[in-house]
Amino acid sequence: MREGDRVKVVDTREYVSVLKELTEEGKEVSMIISGSSMSPFLIHQRDKICFRKPGRELKKGDMVFFQRLNGQYVMHRIWKVKPEGYYIVGDAQKEIEGPVERQQIFAVITKIQRKGKWMEPGDFWWEFFEHVWINMIPLRGIVNKLYAIIRLFTKSI
């Protein structure tokens, strides 16, 4: 954003509900990430996601947008698919939510902009978080702490 640009603050629930309507019309839409539940893959106010209505069966590792029963919109990753629904978790989280019913899921993430670079399925970090990180839930806290220590150490050199 440049100095002098106008910024309009809108209610997230209203904004996402408009984007949800656009996905139901078959459009792909984008938004800047808000929140920290998908870090370290996606960072609050830095990264962007593009999403659309799912055109295929959803699977483990997919990043999806869904609406909780309380009306809140959430973008997380599918941890497990079971007959009773989907079990979902953020990349920064260790607690799994579910079951989430299929009709609650309105979009699948098709590509992301991370650190200014566009990524989609097939890119190294996309595949790492979809196939490796999703299986490291018990170790996530330790890995994140080690990563923070390494970053502090390398900044001081």
Protein backbone atom coordinates (compact mmCIF):
# COMPACT_ATOMS: atom_id res chain seq x y z
CA MET A 1 0.00 0.00 0.00
CA ARG A 2 1.30 3.46 -0.88
CA GLU A 3 1.11 6.57 1.25
CA GLY A 4 -2.10 8.42 0.54
CA ASP A 5 -4.03 5.29 -0.48
CA ARG A 6 -7.49 5.20 1.03
CA VAL A 7 -8.26 2.32 3.31
CA LYS A 8 -11.77 1.18 4.07
CA VAL A 9 -12.33 -1.16 6.98
CA VAL A 10 -15.19 -3.60 6.51
CA ASP A 11 -16.69 -6.30 8.68
CA THR A 12 -14.98 -9.60 7.81
CA ARG A 13 -18.19 -11.62 8.04
CA GLU A 14 -19.97 -9.31 5.59
CA TYR A 15 -16.99 -9.23 3.23
CA VAL A 16 -16.57 -13.02 3.16
CA SER A 17 -20.32 -13.50 2.70
CA VAL A 18 -20.08 -11.41 -0.50
CA LEU A 19 -17.08 -13.47 -1.67
CA LYS A 20 -19.02 -16.65 -0.84
CA GLU A 21 -21.88 -15.48 -3.11
CA LEU A 22 -19.39 -14.87 -5.91
CA THR A 23 -17.98 -18.40 -5.55
CA GLU A 24 -21.51 -19.80 -5.76
CA GLU A 25 -21.79 -18.00 -9.12
CA GLY A 26 -18.69 -19.91 -10.27
CA LYS A 27 -16.19 -17.08 -9.87
CA GLU A 28 -12.72 -17.33 -8.37
CA VAL A 29 -12.10 -14.63 -5.76
CA SER A 30 -9.21 -13.49 -3.59
CA MET A 31 -8.58 -11.89 -0.24
CA ILE A 32 -5.73 -11.01 2.08
CA ILE A 33 -5.25 -13.40 5.00
CA SER A 34 -6.63 -12.24 8.33
CA GLY A 35 -5.62 -14.17 11.43
CA SER A 36 -2.73 -16.40 12.40
CA SER A 37 -4.26 -19.90 12.37
CA MET A 38 -2.57 -20.81 9.06
CA SER A 39 0.95 -19.74 9.95
CA PRO A 40 3.69 -20.55 9.25
CA PHE A 41 2.41 -21.19 5.70
CA LEU A 42 0.25 -18.07 5.48
CA ILE A 43 0.85 -14.89 7.47
CA HIS A 44 -1.75 -12.36 8.70
CA GLN A 45 -2.02 -9.27 6.45
CA ARG A 46 0.97 -10.38 4.32
CA ASP A 47 -0.34 -13.21 2.19
CA LYS A 48 -3.29 -13.61 -0.17
CA ILE A 49 -5.50 -16.57 -1.08
CA CYS A 50 -7.56 -17.28 -4.19
CA PHE A 51 -10.51 -19.62 -3.90
CA ARG A 52 -13.52 -20.98 -5.75
CA LYS A 53 -16.39 -23.42 -5.33
CA PRO A 54 -15.00 -26.97 -5.16
CA GLY A 55 -15.19 -28.75 -8.50
CA ARG A 56 -14.02 -32.12 -7.21
CA GLU A 57 -14.11 -34.36 -4.13
CA LEU A 58 -12.31 -32.75 -1.20
CA LYS A 59 -9.35 -34.62 0.27
CA LYS A 60 -6.89 -34.58 3.14
CA GLY A 61 -4.56 -31.60 2.90
CA ASP A 62 -6.94 -29.36 0.93
CA MET A 63 -7.27 -25.81 2.23
CA VAL A 64 -10.96 -24.98 2.41
CA PHE A 65 -13.19 -22.12 3.46
CA PHE A 66 -16.18 -23.08 5.58
CA GLN A 67 -18.81 -21.48 7.75
CA ARG A 68 -19.12 -22.61 11.35
CA LEU A 69 -22.58 -23.16 12.78
CA ASN A 70 -22.20 -19.85 14.70
CA GLY A 71 -21.80 -18.03 11.35
CA GLN A 72 -18.04 -17.47 11.57
CA TYR A 73 -16.04 -18.00 8.38
CA VAL A 74 -12.80 -19.98 8.65
CA MET A 75 -10.12 -21.07 6.20
CA HIS A 76 -8.24 -24.19 7.40
CA ARG A 77 -6.90 -27.46 6.07
CA ILE A 78 -8.68 -30.83 5.91
CA TRP A 79 -6.99 -33.27 8.30
CA LYS A 80 -9.27 -36.26 7.74
CA VAL A 81 -12.33 -37.22 5.69
CA LYS A 82 -14.80 -39.55 7.43
CA PRO A 83 -18.38 -40.60 6.62
CA GLU A 84 -19.75 -38.18 9.23
CA GLY A 85 -17.85 -35.21 7.80
CA TYR A 86 -14.54 -33.41 7.53
CA TYR A 87 -12.06 -32.87 10.34
CA ILE A 88 -10.23 -29.61 9.90
CA VAL A 89 -7.23 -27.87 11.49
CA GLY A 90 -5.26 -24.67 10.95
CA ASP A 91 -1.55 -25.00 10.18
CA ALA A 92 -0.72 -23.25 13.47
CA GLN A 93 -3.09 -25.38 15.52
CA LYS A 94 -3.00 -28.73 17.27
CA GLU A 95 -6.72 -29.06 18.01
CA ILE A 96 -8.83 -30.62 15.28
CA GLU A 97 -12.33 -29.32 14.59
CA GLY A 98 -15.11 -31.48 13.33
CA PRO A 99 -17.02 -33.04 11.98
CA VAL A 100 -17.73 -30.23 9.52
CA GLU A 101 -20.50 -31.12 7.09
CA ARG A 102 -19.89 -30.82 3.34
CA GLN A 103 -22.56 -28.12 2.94
CA GLN A 104 -20.63 -25.90 5.39
CA ILE A 105 -17.63 -25.90 3.01
CA PHE A 106 -18.13 -23.39 0.22
CA ALA A 107 -14.67 -22.98 -1.30
CA VAL A 108 -11.32 -24.63 -1.90
CA ILE A 109 -8.11 -22.60 -2.07
CA THR A 110 -6.68 -22.74 -5.59
CA LYS A 111 -3.52 -20.66 -5.21
CA ILE A 112 -1.86 -18.37 -2.72
CA GLN A 113 0.49 -15.42 -2.74
CA ARG A 114 3.14 -15.99 -0.07
CA LYS A 115 5.88 -13.42 0.53
CA GLY A 116 4.85 -11.81 -2.77
CA LYS A 117 5.28 -15.02 -4.78
CA TRP A 118 2.33 -16.91 -6.27
CA MET A 119 2.10 -20.63 -5.48
CA GLU A 120 -0.30 -23.38 -6.39
CA PRO A 121 -0.50 -27.16 -6.05
CA GLY A 122 2.81 -28.67 -7.15
CA ASP A 123 5.01 -25.95 -5.62
CA PHE A 124 7.38 -27.22 -2.92
CA TRP A 125 5.94 -25.35 0.08
CA TRP A 126 2.35 -26.04 -0.97
CA GLU A 127 3.11 -29.76 -1.14
CA PHE A 128 5.09 -29.71 2.13
CA PHE A 129 2.19 -28.23 4.10
CA GLU A 130 -0.42 -30.38 2.32
CA HIS A 131 1.36 -33.71 2.74
CA VAL A 132 3.98 -33.40 5.52
CA TRP A 133 2.94 -30.61 7.91
CA ILE A 134 -0.66 -31.92 8.11
CA ASN A 135 0.76 -35.12 9.63
CA MET A 136 2.98 -33.34 12.18
CA ILE A 137 0.23 -32.03 14.48
CA PRO A 138 1.77 -33.36 17.73
CA LEU A 139 5.19 -31.90 16.79
CA ARG A 140 4.08 -28.48 15.54
CA GLY A 141 4.76 -26.65 18.81
CA ILE A 142 8.31 -28.00 19.05
CA VAL A 143 9.08 -27.33 15.38
CA ASN A 144 7.77 -23.75 15.63
CA LYS A 145 9.90 -23.07 18.74
CA LEU A 146 13.02 -24.49 17.06
CA TYR A 147 12.33 -22.39 13.98
CA ALA A 148 11.99 -19.24 16.13
CA ILE A 149 15.29 -19.99 17.89
CA ILE A 150 17.09 -20.58 14.59
CA ARG A 151 15.71 -17.31 13.19
CA LEU A 152 16.87 -15.39 16.28
CA PHE A 153 20.29 -17.02 16.11
CA THR A 154 20.78 -16.36 12.40
CA LYS A 155 19.69 -12.71 12.75
CA SER A 156 22.37 -12.14 15.40
CA ILE A 157 25.19 -13.47 13.20
